[in-house]
Amino acid sequence: MTDAITEACSFEEVVEIINSSNRGESSGYFGGTDTRDAEIMAGQYAWEAAEDSGYTDDESIKAQLDILVEAGAEFDYSAALENAIGRKKQ
């Protein structure tokens, strides 16, 4: 799990964390910093958002990634989707 995403206070903060990561910058969160790839951050967000909604099928996960993209988050969509779907098995 990526603490920076889990501890984000708003959706806008999630987008900024992903974009910072995409630029190679670490993301601060309460108690530390996180340097994971943007795709891992986006995948985690998509999975957690889908899980919170009660719909964890692949289309619902894609919809969460689409929302991130529409909000301006920059990441490799395919890699983030693979990461998010892979979380179903954990």
N, C-alpha and C. Protein backbone atom coordinates (compact mmCIF):
# COMPACT_ATOMS: atom_id res chain seq x y z
N MET A 1 0.83 -1.18 0.00
CA MET A 1 0.00 0.00 0.00
C MET A 1 0.88 1.25 0.00
N THR A 2 0.38 2.25 -0.65
CA THR A 2 1.08 3.52 -0.73
C THR A 2 0.46 4.48 0.28
N ASP A 3 1.19 4.80 1.33
CA ASP A 3 0.64 5.65 2.38
C ASP A 3 0.23 7.02 1.86
N ALA A 4 0.96 7.56 0.91
CA ALA A 4 0.63 8.89 0.39
C ALA A 4 -0.78 8.91 -0.20
N ILE A 5 -1.17 7.87 -0.92
CA ILE A 5 -2.51 7.79 -1.50
C ILE A 5 -3.54 7.53 -0.40
N THR A 6 -3.27 6.60 0.47
CA THR A 6 -4.20 6.25 1.54
C THR A 6 -4.49 7.45 2.44
N GLU A 7 -3.47 8.28 2.69
CA GLU A 7 -3.62 9.40 3.62
C GLU A 7 -3.97 10.72 2.93
N ALA A 8 -4.16 10.71 1.62
CA ALA A 8 -4.53 11.95 0.92
C ALA A 8 -5.84 12.48 1.48
N CYS A 9 -5.92 13.79 1.60
CA CYS A 9 -7.10 14.43 2.19
C CYS A 9 -8.17 14.79 1.16
N SER A 10 -7.81 14.77 -0.12
CA SER A 10 -8.79 15.14 -1.15
C SER A 10 -8.42 14.46 -2.47
N PHE A 11 -9.38 14.43 -3.37
CA PHE A 11 -9.13 13.88 -4.70
C PHE A 11 -8.07 14.70 -5.42
N GLU A 12 -8.11 16.01 -5.26
CA GLU A 12 -7.11 16.88 -5.89
C GLU A 12 -5.71 16.55 -5.40
N GLU A 13 -5.60 16.21 -4.13
CA GLU A 13 -4.30 15.83 -3.57
C GLU A 13 -3.82 14.51 -4.18
N VAL A 14 -4.74 13.58 -4.42
CA VAL A 14 -4.39 12.31 -5.07
C VAL A 14 -3.79 12.59 -6.44
N VAL A 15 -4.44 13.46 -7.22
CA VAL A 15 -3.94 13.81 -8.56
C VAL A 15 -2.55 14.43 -8.46
N GLU A 16 -2.35 15.33 -7.52
CA GLU A 16 -1.04 15.98 -7.37
C GLU A 16 0.03 14.97 -6.95
N ILE A 17 -0.31 14.04 -6.08
CA ILE A 17 0.63 13.00 -5.66
C ILE A 17 1.05 12.16 -6.86
N ILE A 18 0.08 11.76 -7.67
CA ILE A 18 0.38 10.96 -8.86
C ILE A 18 1.27 11.75 -9.82
N ASN A 19 0.94 13.01 -10.05
CA ASN A 19 1.73 13.83 -10.98
C ASN A 19 3.13 14.10 -10.44
N SER A 20 3.25 14.31 -9.14
CA SER A 20 4.58 14.49 -8.54
C SER A 20 5.42 13.25 -8.74
N SER A 21 4.81 12.12 -8.52
CA SER A 21 5.50 10.84 -8.70
C SER A 21 5.91 10.66 -10.16
N ASN A 22 5.05 11.05 -11.08
CA ASN A 22 5.34 10.95 -12.50
C ASN A 22 6.55 11.81 -12.88
N ARG A 23 6.74 12.91 -12.17
CA ARG A 23 7.89 13.80 -12.41
C ARG A 23 9.14 13.33 -11.66
N GLY A 24 9.03 12.21 -10.94
CA GLY A 24 10.17 11.67 -10.21
C GLY A 24 10.37 12.29 -8.85
N GLU A 25 9.37 13.02 -8.38
CA GLU A 25 9.46 13.66 -7.06
C GLU A 25 8.83 12.74 -6.01
N SER A 26 9.32 12.84 -4.79
CA SER A 26 8.70 12.06 -3.72
C SER A 26 7.45 12.79 -3.26
N SER A 27 6.52 12.03 -2.72
CA SER A 27 5.27 12.59 -2.23
C SER A 27 5.27 12.53 -0.71
N GLY A 28 5.03 13.66 -0.10
CA GLY A 28 4.99 13.71 1.35
C GLY A 28 3.66 13.23 1.88
N TYR A 29 3.68 12.64 3.05
CA TYR A 29 2.47 12.26 3.77
C TYR A 29 2.83 12.29 5.24
N PHE A 30 1.85 12.21 6.09
CA PHE A 30 2.09 12.26 7.51
C PHE A 30 3.04 11.15 7.92
N GLY A 31 4.22 11.51 8.33
CA GLY A 31 5.17 10.53 8.81
C GLY A 31 6.25 10.12 7.82
N GLY A 32 6.26 10.67 6.61
CA GLY A 32 7.32 10.29 5.70
C GLY A 32 7.11 10.75 4.27
N THR A 33 7.83 10.11 3.36
CA THR A 33 7.71 10.40 1.94
C THR A 33 7.58 9.10 1.18
N ASP A 34 7.05 9.20 -0.02
CA ASP A 34 6.82 8.01 -0.84
C ASP A 34 7.39 8.28 -2.22
N THR A 35 8.11 7.31 -2.78
CA THR A 35 8.74 7.49 -4.09
C THR A 35 8.28 6.44 -5.09
N ARG A 36 7.14 5.86 -4.90
CA ARG A 36 6.66 4.83 -5.83
C ARG A 36 6.28 5.45 -7.17
N ASP A 37 6.22 4.61 -8.19
CA ASP A 37 5.86 5.06 -9.54
C ASP A 37 4.43 5.57 -9.58
N ALA A 38 4.17 6.49 -10.51
CA ALA A 38 2.83 7.04 -10.68
C ALA A 38 1.81 5.95 -10.98
N GLU A 39 2.23 4.93 -11.71
CA GLU A 39 1.32 3.84 -12.07
C GLU A 39 0.90 3.03 -10.85
N ILE A 40 1.80 2.86 -9.91
CA ILE A 40 1.46 2.16 -8.66
C ILE A 40 0.50 3.01 -7.85
N MET A 41 0.77 4.31 -7.80
CA MET A 41 -0.12 5.22 -7.06
C MET A 41 -1.51 5.24 -7.69
N ALA A 42 -1.58 5.37 -9.01
CA ALA A 42 -2.88 5.42 -9.70
C ALA A 42 -3.61 4.08 -9.56
N GLY A 43 -2.87 2.99 -9.69
CA GLY A 43 -3.48 1.67 -9.54
C GLY A 43 -4.06 1.46 -8.15
N GLN A 44 -3.33 1.89 -7.16
CA GLN A 44 -3.83 1.76 -5.79
C GLN A 44 -5.09 2.60 -5.61
N TYR A 45 -5.05 3.85 -6.09
CA TYR A 45 -6.24 4.69 -5.94
C TYR A 45 -7.44 4.04 -6.62
N ALA A 46 -7.25 3.58 -7.86
CA ALA A 46 -8.36 2.99 -8.62
C ALA A 46 -8.93 1.78 -7.90
N TRP A 47 -8.05 0.93 -7.38
CA TRP A 47 -8.52 -0.26 -6.67
C TRP A 47 -9.28 0.13 -5.41
N GLU A 48 -8.70 1.04 -4.60
CA GLU A 48 -9.35 1.43 -3.35
C GLU A 48 -10.69 2.11 -3.61
N ALA A 49 -10.76 2.97 -4.63
CA ALA A 49 -12.01 3.66 -4.96
C ALA A 49 -13.06 2.65 -5.43
N ALA A 50 -12.66 1.70 -6.25
CA ALA A 50 -13.59 0.67 -6.72
C ALA A 50 -14.07 -0.18 -5.55
N GLU A 51 -13.14 -0.56 -4.70
CA GLU A 51 -13.49 -1.38 -3.54
C GLU A 51 -14.45 -0.62 -2.61
N ASP A 52 -14.19 0.66 -2.39
CA ASP A 52 -15.07 1.47 -1.54
C ASP A 52 -16.48 1.57 -2.13
N SER A 53 -16.57 1.58 -3.46
CA SER A 53 -17.89 1.68 -4.10
C SER A 53 -18.63 0.34 -4.11
N GLY A 54 -17.91 -0.74 -3.84
CA GLY A 54 -18.52 -2.06 -3.85
C GLY A 54 -18.51 -2.74 -5.21
N TYR A 55 -17.85 -2.11 -6.19
CA TYR A 55 -17.78 -2.65 -7.55
C TYR A 55 -16.32 -2.83 -7.94
N THR A 56 -15.84 -4.06 -7.88
CA THR A 56 -14.42 -4.31 -8.15
C THR A 56 -14.19 -5.04 -9.47
N ASP A 57 -15.17 -5.00 -10.37
CA ASP A 57 -14.96 -5.59 -11.68
C ASP A 57 -14.00 -4.71 -12.49
N ASP A 58 -13.45 -5.25 -13.54
CA ASP A 58 -12.45 -4.53 -14.34
C ASP A 58 -12.98 -3.22 -14.90
N GLU A 59 -14.23 -3.19 -15.32
CA GLU A 59 -14.80 -1.97 -15.89
C GLU A 59 -14.92 -0.86 -14.84
N SER A 60 -15.23 -1.21 -13.62
CA SER A 60 -15.30 -0.22 -12.54
C SER A 60 -13.92 0.33 -12.21
N ILE A 61 -12.92 -0.54 -12.25
CA ILE A 61 -11.54 -0.09 -12.01
C ILE A 61 -11.11 0.85 -13.13
N LYS A 62 -11.43 0.50 -14.37
CA LYS A 62 -11.11 1.39 -15.51
C LYS A 62 -11.80 2.73 -15.34
N ALA A 63 -13.03 2.73 -14.87
CA ALA A 63 -13.76 3.98 -14.68
C ALA A 63 -13.05 4.87 -13.67
N GLN A 64 -12.50 4.28 -12.63
CA GLN A 64 -11.76 5.06 -11.63
C GLN A 64 -10.49 5.67 -12.24
N LEU A 65 -9.81 4.90 -13.08
CA LEU A 65 -8.63 5.43 -13.77
C LEU A 65 -9.03 6.54 -14.73
N ASP A 66 -10.15 6.37 -15.41
CA ASP A 66 -10.64 7.41 -16.32
C ASP A 66 -10.90 8.72 -15.58
N ILE A 67 -11.45 8.62 -14.39
CA ILE A 67 -11.71 9.82 -13.58
C ILE A 67 -10.40 10.52 -13.26
N LEU A 68 -9.37 9.74 -12.93
CA LEU A 68 -8.05 10.34 -12.65
C LEU A 68 -7.51 11.07 -13.88
N VAL A 69 -7.61 10.43 -15.04
CA VAL A 69 -7.11 11.03 -16.28
C VAL A 69 -7.87 12.33 -16.58
N GLU A 70 -9.18 12.30 -16.45
CA GLU A 70 -10.00 13.48 -16.70
C GLU A 70 -9.65 14.63 -15.76
N ALA A 71 -9.18 14.30 -14.56
CA ALA A 71 -8.80 15.31 -13.57
C ALA A 71 -7.37 15.82 -13.79
N GLY A 72 -6.67 15.24 -14.76
CA GLY A 72 -5.33 15.72 -15.07
C GLY A 72 -4.18 14.87 -14.56
N ALA A 73 -4.48 13.71 -13.99
CA ALA A 73 -3.40 12.83 -13.52
C ALA A 73 -2.68 12.24 -14.73
N GLU A 74 -1.36 12.19 -14.63
CA GLU A 74 -0.53 11.69 -15.73
C GLU A 74 0.19 10.43 -15.30
N PHE A 75 -0.11 9.33 -16.01
CA PHE A 75 0.48 8.03 -15.71
C PHE A 75 0.24 7.12 -16.90
N ASP A 76 0.96 6.01 -16.95
CA ASP A 76 0.76 5.01 -17.98
C ASP A 76 -0.49 4.21 -17.62
N TYR A 77 -1.54 4.40 -18.41
CA TYR A 77 -2.85 3.82 -18.11
C TYR A 77 -2.78 2.29 -18.03
N SER A 78 -2.14 1.68 -19.00
CA SER A 78 -2.08 0.20 -19.04
C SER A 78 -1.38 -0.36 -17.81
N ALA A 79 -0.27 0.27 -17.42
CA ALA A 79 0.47 -0.21 -16.25
C ALA A 79 -0.33 0.00 -14.97
N ALA A 80 -1.04 1.12 -14.87
CA ALA A 80 -1.86 1.38 -13.69
C ALA A 80 -3.02 0.39 -13.62
N LEU A 81 -3.62 0.09 -14.77
CA LEU A 81 -4.72 -0.87 -14.81
C LEU A 81 -4.23 -2.25 -14.39
N GLU A 82 -3.08 -2.65 -14.88
CA GLU A 82 -2.50 -3.95 -14.51
C GLU A 82 -2.25 -3.99 -13.00
N ASN A 83 -1.73 -2.89 -12.46
CA ASN A 83 -1.48 -2.83 -11.02
C ASN A 83 -2.78 -2.94 -10.24
N ALA A 84 -3.80 -2.20 -10.65
CA ALA A 84 -5.08 -2.20 -9.93
C ALA A 84 -5.75 -3.57 -9.98
N ILE A 85 -5.79 -4.17 -11.14
CA ILE A 85 -6.42 -5.48 -11.29
C ILE A 85 -5.65 -6.53 -10.50
N GLY A 86 -4.33 -6.39 -10.47
CA GLY A 86 -3.51 -7.32 -9.70
C GLY A 86 -3.81 -7.28 -8.21
N ARG A 87 -4.35 -6.17 -7.73
CA ARG A 87 -4.68 -6.06 -6.31
C ARG A 87 -5.88 -6.92 -5.91
N LYS A 88 -6.68 -7.32 -6.89
CA LYS A 88 -7.84 -8.18 -6.60
C LYS A 88 -7.38 -9.52 -6.05
N LYS A 89 -6.19 -9.94 -6.43
CA LYS A 89 -5.69 -11.26 -6.04
C LYS A 89 -5.01 -11.24 -4.69
N GLN A 90 -4.79 -10.07 -4.13
CA GLN A 90 -4.06 -9.96 -2.87
C GLN A 90 -4.98 -10.17 -1.69
